[in-house]
C-alpha atoms as a PDB file:
ATOM      1  CA  MET A   1     -92.026  30.330  22.792  1.00  0.00           C
ATOM      2  CA  GLU A   2     -89.795  29.712  19.595  1.00  0.00           C
ATOM      3  CA  LEU A   3     -92.326  31.601  17.680  1.00  0.00           C
ATOM      4  CA  PHE A   4     -92.420  34.407  20.045  1.00  0.00           C
ATOM      5  CA  ASN A   5     -88.657  34.790  20.091  1.00  0.00           C
ATOM      6  CA  ILE A   6     -88.232  34.762  16.261  1.00  0.00           C
ATOM      7  CA  VAL A   7     -90.949  37.412  15.965  1.00  0.00           C
ATOM      8  CA  ILE A   8     -89.153  39.548  18.936  1.00  0.00           C
ATOM      9  CA  ARG A   9     -85.515  39.123  16.762  1.00  0.00           C
ATOM     10  CA  TRP A  10     -87.597  39.908  13.640  1.00  0.00           C
ATOM     11  CA  GLY A  11     -88.992  43.312  15.376  1.00  0.00           C
ATOM     12  CA  HIS A  12     -85.586  44.080  16.677  1.00  0.00           C
ATOM     13  CA  LEU A  13     -84.152  44.063  13.181  1.00  0.00           C
ATOM     14  CA  MET A  14     -86.800  46.115  11.419  1.00  0.00           C
ATOM     15  CA  PHE A  15     -86.910  48.632  14.074  1.00  0.00           C
ATOM     16  CA  GLY A  16     -83.132  48.636  14.165  1.00  0.00           C
ATOM     17  CA  ILE A  17     -82.990  49.502  10.565  1.00  0.00           C
ATOM     18  CA  THR A  18     -85.499  52.057  10.811  1.00  0.00           C
ATOM     19  CA  TRP A  19     -83.500  53.876  13.510  1.00  0.00           C
ATOM     20  CA  ILE A  20     -79.880  53.340  12.319  1.00  0.00           C
ATOM     21  CA  GLY A  21     -81.170  54.157   8.661  1.00  0.00           C
ATOM     22  CA  MET A  22     -82.636  57.437   9.784  1.00  0.00           C
ATOM     23  CA  LEU A  23     -79.399  58.237  11.955  1.00  0.00           C
ATOM     24  CA  TYR A  24     -77.543  57.728   8.912  1.00  0.00           C
ATOM     25  CA  TYR A  25     -79.917  59.957   6.931  1.00  0.00           C
ATOM     26  CA  PHE A  26     -79.587  62.798   9.430  1.00  0.00           C
ATOM     27  CA  ASN A  27     -75.768  62.632   9.348  1.00  0.00           C
ATOM     28  CA  PHE A  28     -74.747  61.796   5.896  1.00  0.00           C
ATOM     29  CA  VAL A  29     -77.601  63.391   3.989  1.00  0.00           C
ATOM     30  CA  GLN A  30     -79.968  65.982   5.422  1.00  0.00           C
ATOM     31  CA  GLY A  31     -77.019  67.746   7.527  1.00  0.00           C
ATOM     32  CA  GLY A  32     -75.486  68.704   4.228  1.00  0.00           C
ATOM     33  CA  TYR A  33     -78.360  69.416   2.500  1.00  0.00           C
ATOM     34  CA  PHE A  34     -79.228  72.105   5.086  1.00  0.00           C
ATOM     35  CA  LYS A  35     -75.831  73.743   4.387  1.00  0.00           C
ATOM     36  CA  GLN A  36     -76.784  74.219   0.804  1.00  0.00           C
ATOM     37  CA  ALA A  37     -80.482  74.712   0.666  1.00  0.00           C
ATOM     38  CA  SER A  38     -81.961  78.198  -0.209  1.00  0.00           C
ATOM     39  CA  PRO A  39     -83.497  80.053   2.762  1.00  0.00           C
ATOM     40  CA  GLU A  40     -87.117  79.032   1.504  1.00  0.00           C
ATOM     41  CA  GLY A  41     -86.040  75.040   0.933  1.00  0.00           C
ATOM     42  CA  LEU A  42     -84.505  75.007   4.581  1.00  0.00           C
ATOM     43  CA  ALA A  43     -87.439  76.692   6.111  1.00  0.00           C
ATOM     44  CA  ASP A  44     -89.804  74.153   4.369  1.00  0.00           C
ATOM     45  CA  ALA A  45     -87.524  71.078   5.204  1.00  0.00           C
ATOM     46  CA  LYS A  46     -87.340  72.224   8.937  1.00  0.00           C
ATOM     47  CA  ALA A  47     -91.171  72.742   9.033  1.00  0.00           C
ATOM     48  CA  LYS A  48     -92.064  69.450   7.282  1.00  0.00           C
ATOM     49  CA  LEU A  49     -89.445  66.811   6.379  1.00  0.00           C
ATOM     50  CA  ALA A  50     -87.390  67.080   9.809  1.00  0.00           C
ATOM     51  CA  PRO A  51     -90.190  66.504  12.264  1.00  0.00           C
ATOM     52  CA  SER A  52     -91.409  63.858  10.313  1.00  0.00           C
ATOM     53  CA  ALA A  53     -88.158  62.225   9.814  1.00  0.00           C
ATOM     54  CA  LEU A  54     -87.474  62.689  13.587  1.00  0.00           C
ATOM     55  CA  TRP A  55     -90.596  60.779  14.376  1.00  0.00           C
ATOM     56  CA  TRP A  56     -89.675  57.716  12.697  1.00  0.00           C
ATOM     57  CA  PHE A  57     -86.116  58.099  14.128  1.00  0.00           C
ATOM     58  CA  ARG A  58     -87.116  58.391  17.913  1.00  0.00           C
ATOM     59  CA  TRP A  59     -89.840  55.871  17.578  1.00  0.00           C
ATOM     60  CA  GLY A  60     -87.490  53.417  15.765  1.00  0.00           C
ATOM     61  CA  ALA A  61     -84.856  53.800  18.348  1.00  0.00           C
ATOM     62  CA  MET A  62     -87.674  53.340  21.506  1.00  0.00           C
ATOM     63  CA  PHE A  63     -88.810  50.213  19.979  1.00  0.00           C
ATOM     64  CA  THR A  64     -85.336  48.846  18.968  1.00  0.00           C
ATOM     65  CA  PHE A  65     -84.521  49.210  22.754  1.00  0.00           C
ATOM     66  CA  ILE A  66     -87.914  47.789  23.861  1.00  0.00           C
ATOM     67  CA  THR A  67     -87.235  44.544  21.778  1.00  0.00           C
ATOM     68  CA  GLY A  68     -83.585  44.392  22.681  1.00  0.00           C
ATOM     69  CA  LEU A  69     -84.404  44.452  26.404  1.00  0.00           C
ATOM     70  CA  ILE A  70     -86.678  41.483  25.753  1.00  0.00           C
ATOM     71  CA  LEU A  71     -83.816  39.532  23.642  1.00  0.00           C
ATOM     72  CA  LEU A  72     -81.169  40.550  26.460  1.00  0.00           C
ATOM     73  CA  ALA A  73     -83.244  39.360  29.196  1.00  0.00           C
ATOM     74  CA  GLY A  74     -83.721  35.755  27.290  1.00  0.00           C
ATOM     75  CA  VAL A  75     -79.947  35.550  26.604  1.00  0.00           C
ATOM     76  CA  GLY A  76     -79.222  36.251  30.275  1.00  0.00           C
ATOM     77  CA  LYS A  77     -81.851  33.604  31.500  1.00  0.00           C
ATOM     78  CA  LEU A  78     -80.294  31.025  29.233  1.00  0.00           C
ATOM     79  CA  GLY A  79     -76.923  31.961  30.225  1.00  0.00           C
ATOM     80  CA  GLN A  80     -75.698  32.892  26.939  1.00  0.00           C
ATOM     81  CA  LEU A  81     -74.188  36.481  27.720  1.00  0.00           C
ATOM     82  CA  ASN A  82     -70.761  37.297  26.417  1.00  0.00           C
ATOM     83  CA  ASN A  83     -68.396  40.303  26.128  1.00  0.00           C
ATOM     84  CA  TYR A  84     -69.697  41.049  22.648  1.00  0.00           C
ATOM     85  CA  ILE A  85     -73.224  41.240  23.738  1.00  0.00           C
ATOM     86  CA  VAL A  86     -72.341  43.168  26.830  1.00  0.00           C
ATOM     87  CA  ALA A  87     -70.653  45.965  24.590  1.00  0.00           C
ATOM     88  CA  GLY A  88     -72.933  46.225  22.163  1.00  0.00           C
ATOM     89  CA  ALA A  89     -75.919  46.577  24.391  1.00  0.00           C
ATOM     90  CA  LEU A  90     -74.048  49.301  26.521  1.00  0.00           C
ATOM     91  CA  MET A  91     -73.489  51.049  23.464  1.00  0.00           C
ATOM     92  CA  GLY A  92     -77.167  50.602  22.196  1.00  0.00           C
ATOM     93  CA  THR A  93     -78.487  51.739  25.392  1.00  0.00           C
ATOM     94  CA  LEU A  94     -76.516  55.015  25.304  1.00  0.00           C
ATOM     95  CA  MET A  95     -77.466  55.525  21.755  1.00  0.00           C
ATOM     96  CA  PHE A  96     -81.287  55.236  22.711  1.00  0.00           C
ATOM     97  CA  LEU A  97     -80.792  57.479  25.934  1.00  0.00           C
ATOM     98  CA  ASN A  98     -78.945  60.131  23.588  1.00  0.00           C
ATOM     99  CA  VAL A  99     -81.846  60.032  21.209  1.00  0.00           C
ATOM    100  CA  TRP A 100     -84.704  60.802  23.738  1.00  0.00           C
ATOM    101  CA  ILE A 101     -82.828  62.922  26.431  1.00  0.00           C
ATOM    102  CA  ILE A 102     -80.259  65.051  24.012  1.00  0.00           C
ATOM    103  CA  ILE A 103     -81.051  64.516  20.465  1.00  0.00           C
ATOM    104  CA  TRP A 104     -84.984  65.082  20.385  1.00  0.00           C
ATOM    105  CA  PRO A 105     -85.173  67.870  22.948  1.00  0.00           C
ATOM    106  CA  ASN A 106     -82.351  70.113  21.449  1.00  0.00           C
ATOM    107  CA  GLN A 107     -83.810  69.091  17.708  1.00  0.00           C
ATOM    108  CA  LYS A 108     -87.191  70.617  18.944  1.00  0.00           C
ATOM    109  CA  ILE A 109     -85.129  74.164  19.701  1.00  0.00           C
ATOM    110  CA  ALA A 110     -83.337  74.095  16.708  1.00  0.00           C
ATOM    111  CA  LEU A 111     -86.149  73.531  14.326  1.00  0.00           C
ATOM    112  CA  GLY A 112     -87.921  76.193  16.284  1.00  0.00           C
ATOM    113  CA  LEU A 113     -90.723  73.660  17.655  1.00  0.00           C
ATOM    114  CA  THR A 114     -89.737  75.055  21.116  1.00  0.00           C
ATOM    115  CA  GLU A 115     -88.409  78.226  22.452  1.00  0.00           C
ATOM    116  CA  GLY A 116     -84.569  78.230  23.496  1.00  0.00           C
ATOM    117  CA  ASP A 117     -81.035  79.134  21.962  1.00  0.00           C
ATOM    118  CA  ALA A 118     -81.491  77.192  18.541  1.00  0.00           C
ATOM    119  CA  ALA A 119     -77.609  77.621  17.751  1.00  0.00           C
ATOM    120  CA  ALA A 120     -76.610  75.914  21.204  1.00  0.00           C
ATOM    121  CA  ALA A 121     -79.384  73.123  21.143  1.00  0.00           C
ATOM    122  CA  GLY A 122     -78.397  72.484  17.106  1.00  0.00           C
ATOM    123  CA  ALA A 123     -74.759  71.761  18.395  1.00  0.00           C
ATOM    124  CA  LYS A 124     -75.544  69.536  21.331  1.00  0.00           C
ATOM    125  CA  ALA A 125     -77.983  67.623  19.236  1.00  0.00           C
ATOM    126  CA  LEU A 126     -75.103  67.236  16.249  1.00  0.00           C
ATOM    127  CA  LEU A 127     -72.598  66.174  18.853  1.00  0.00           C
ATOM    128  CA  ALA A 128     -74.933  63.520  20.492  1.00  0.00           C
ATOM    129  CA  SER A 129     -75.941  62.194  16.988  1.00  0.00           C
ATOM    130  CA  ARG A 130     -72.468  62.052  15.771  1.00  0.00           C
ATOM    131  CA  THR A 131     -71.680  60.061  18.821  1.00  0.00           C
ATOM    132  CA  ASN A 132     -74.380  57.573  17.846  1.00  0.00           C
ATOM    133  CA  VAL A 133     -73.025  57.323  14.288  1.00  0.00           C
ATOM    134  CA  LEU A 134     -69.487  56.532  15.998  1.00  0.00           C
ATOM    135  CA  PHE A 135     -71.055  53.797  18.386  1.00  0.00           C
ATOM    136  CA  SER A 136     -72.972  52.377  15.566  1.00  0.00           C
ATOM    137  CA  ALA A 137     -70.496  50.201  13.644  1.00  0.00           C
ATOM    138  CA  PRO A 138     -69.064  48.430  17.097  1.00  0.00           C
ATOM    139  CA  MET A 139     -72.597  48.421  18.303  1.00  0.00           C
ATOM    140  CA  ALA A 140     -73.622  46.255  15.258  1.00  0.00           C
ATOM    141  CA  PHE A 141     -70.528  44.079  15.360  1.00  0.00           C
ATOM    142  CA  GLY A 142     -71.248  43.295  19.093  1.00  0.00           C
ATOM    143  CA  MET A 143     -74.890  42.245  18.245  1.00  0.00           C
ATOM    144  CA  LEU A 144     -73.777  39.940  15.558  1.00  0.00           C
ATOM    145  CA  ALA A 145     -70.488  38.481  17.168  1.00  0.00           C
ATOM    146  CA  GLY A 146     -72.451  37.740  20.247  1.00  0.00           C
ATOM    147  CA  PRO A 147     -73.858  34.634  18.719  1.00  0.00           C
ATOM    148  CA  HIS A 148     -71.906  34.081  15.890  1.00  0.00           C
ATOM    149  CA  PHE A 149     -68.209  34.837  16.436  1.00  0.00           C
ATOM    150  CA  THR A 150     -66.295  31.495  16.521  1.00  0.00           C
ATOM    151  CA  GLY A 151     -64.718  30.921  19.860  1.00  0.00           C
ATOM    152  CA  HIS A 152     -66.584  34.296  21.484  1.00  0.00           C
ATOM    153  CA  GLY A 153     -70.037  33.533  21.045  1.00  0.00           C
ATOM    154  CA  TYR A 154     -72.908  32.420  23.090  1.00  0.00           C
ATOM    155  CA  GLY A 155     -71.892  30.653  26.375  1.00  0.00           C
ATOM    156  CA  THR A 156     -68.274  32.248  27.025  1.00  0.00           C
ATOM    157  CA  GLU A 157     -67.723  34.040  29.916  1.00  0.00           C
ATOM    158  CA  THR A 158     -68.188  37.908  30.662  1.00  0.00           C
ATOM    159  CA  GLY A 159     -65.822  40.137  32.182  1.00  0.00           C
ATOM    160  CA  GLY A 160     -62.015  40.308  32.169  1.00  0.00           C
ATOM    161  CA  THR A 161     -59.468  43.237  31.390  1.00  0.00           C
ATOM    162  CA  GLY A 162     -60.624  43.523  27.685  1.00  0.00           C
ATOM    163  CA  LEU A 163     -64.298  44.235  28.602  1.00  0.00           C
ATOM    164  CA  LEU A 164     -63.150  46.720  31.072  1.00  0.00           C
ATOM    165  CA  ILE A 165     -61.169  48.707  28.754  1.00  0.00           C
ATOM    166  CA  VAL A 166     -64.021  48.736  26.084  1.00  0.00           C
ATOM    167  CA  VAL A 167     -66.674  49.737  28.739  1.00  0.00           C
ATOM    168  CA  LEU A 168     -63.971  52.658  29.989  1.00  0.00           C
ATOM    169  CA  LEU A 169     -63.481  53.716  26.359  1.00  0.00           C
ATOM    170  CA  ILE A 170     -67.261  53.583  25.619  1.00  0.00           C
ATOM    171  CA  ALA A 171     -67.899  55.839  28.775  1.00  0.00           C
ATOM    172  CA  LEU A 172     -65.253  58.471  28.225  1.00  0.00           C
ATOM    173  CA  LEU A 173     -66.645  58.649  24.282  1.00  0.00           C
ATOM    174  CA  GLU A 174     -70.316  59.211  25.790  1.00  0.00           C
ATOM    175  CA  LEU A 175     -68.898  62.004  27.935  1.00  0.00           C
ATOM    176  CA  ASN A 176     -67.330  63.655  25.010  1.00  0.00           C
ATOM    177  CA  GLY A 177     -70.718  63.216  23.213  1.00  0.00           C
ATOM    178  CA  LEU A 178     -72.361  64.889  26.425  1.00  0.00           C
ATOM    179  CA  PHE A 179     -69.709  67.544  27.178  1.00  0.00           C
ATOM    180  CA  GLY A 180     -67.065  67.617  24.674  1.00  0.00           C
ATOM    181  CA  LYS A 181     -66.176  68.634  21.074  1.00  0.00           C
ATOM    182  CA  GLN A 182     -66.813  67.284  17.804  1.00  0.00           C
ATOM    183  CA  GLY A 183     -62.814  66.915  16.780  1.00  0.00           C
ATOM    184  CA  PRO A 184     -62.784  64.245  14.224  1.00  0.00           C
ATOM    185  CA  LEU A 185     -66.334  63.545  14.377  1.00  0.00           C
ATOM    186  CA  ALA A 186     -67.270  66.750  12.648  1.00  0.00           C
ATOM    187  CA  SER A 187     -66.894  65.530   9.061  1.00  0.00           C
ATOM    188  CA  VAL A 188     -68.702  62.403   7.478  1.00  0.00           C
ATOM    189  CA  VAL A 189     -65.652  60.872   6.775  1.00  0.00           C
ATOM    190  CA  GLY A 190     -64.206  61.591  10.076  1.00  0.00           C
ATOM    191  CA  VAL A 191     -67.096  60.113  12.081  1.00  0.00           C
ATOM    192  CA  ILE A 192     -67.212  57.038   9.648  1.00  0.00           C
ATOM    193  CA  HIS A 193     -63.628  56.219   9.972  1.00  0.00           C
ATOM    194  CA  CYS A 194     -63.680  56.651  14.016  1.00  0.00           C
ATOM    195  CA  SER A 195     -66.683  54.229  14.183  1.00  0.00           C
ATOM    196  CA  LEU A 196     -64.579  51.733  12.172  1.00  0.00           C
ATOM    197  CA  ALA A 197     -61.345  52.378  14.185  1.00  0.00           C
ATOM    198  CA  LEU A 198     -63.692  51.914  17.420  1.00  0.00           C
ATOM    199  CA  THR A 199     -65.029  48.609  16.093  1.00  0.00           C
ATOM    200  CA  ALA A 200     -61.131  47.597  15.321  1.00  0.00           C
ATOM    201  CA  VAL A 201     -60.241  48.081  18.916  1.00  0.00           C
ATOM    202  CA  MET A 202     -63.162  46.620  20.460  1.00  0.00           C
ATOM    203  CA  VAL A 203     -62.569  43.544  18.869  1.00  0.00           C
ATOM    204  CA  ALA A 204     -58.650  43.461  19.535  1.00  0.00           C
ATOM    205  CA  ALA A 205     -59.569  44.039  23.053  1.00  0.00           C
ATOM    206  CA  LEU A 206     -62.235  41.519  23.621  1.00  0.00           C
ATOM    207  CA  THR A 207     -60.258  38.615  21.523  1.00  0.00           C
ATOM    208  CA  ILE A 208     -56.662  39.343  22.876  1.00  0.00           C
ATOM    209  CA  LEU A 209     -57.130  40.668  26.597  1.00  0.00           C
END
């Protein structure tokens, strides 16, 4: 059982590195290149590079989610849930759903792999992708703080005003990612700053309230 647990944790980490690494690549590297590439380079990248990168991206997300569910079930069975794990798991789940329900279907249209309005699909995929970047820092903090944050780690109670505020904030940000506008998430610097600010708000809410 101990070996199974560490293998699942190791797998969760490795799949998560793949997923979030590709997420950052798309937002911090590929997007900028697409704006500057020659027509020939852009066409080649959309035909060959982007589909391959999206394969690793979406399946990294899938197996991160599956291993995370196994870990969450084990933590719950042992009575080790706490607010940081709940918040992190919620954001991770929304990020996974964004990948498979919003980003991948719309990227297929944007890349010309399936028919549709490429411009509209690209905008939807970008906003959902930016929302995932927004969630990435607080999600990772929650996963680490769950077992390791002194005074707030394994075995502490779940619930309370702080968690309610965090969950409502996450829900509002996800709704914006589905139906709203990019706003400060439009730029790389902006989304990084917003992600760090969301992390700080989460920590403050769960620590103080």
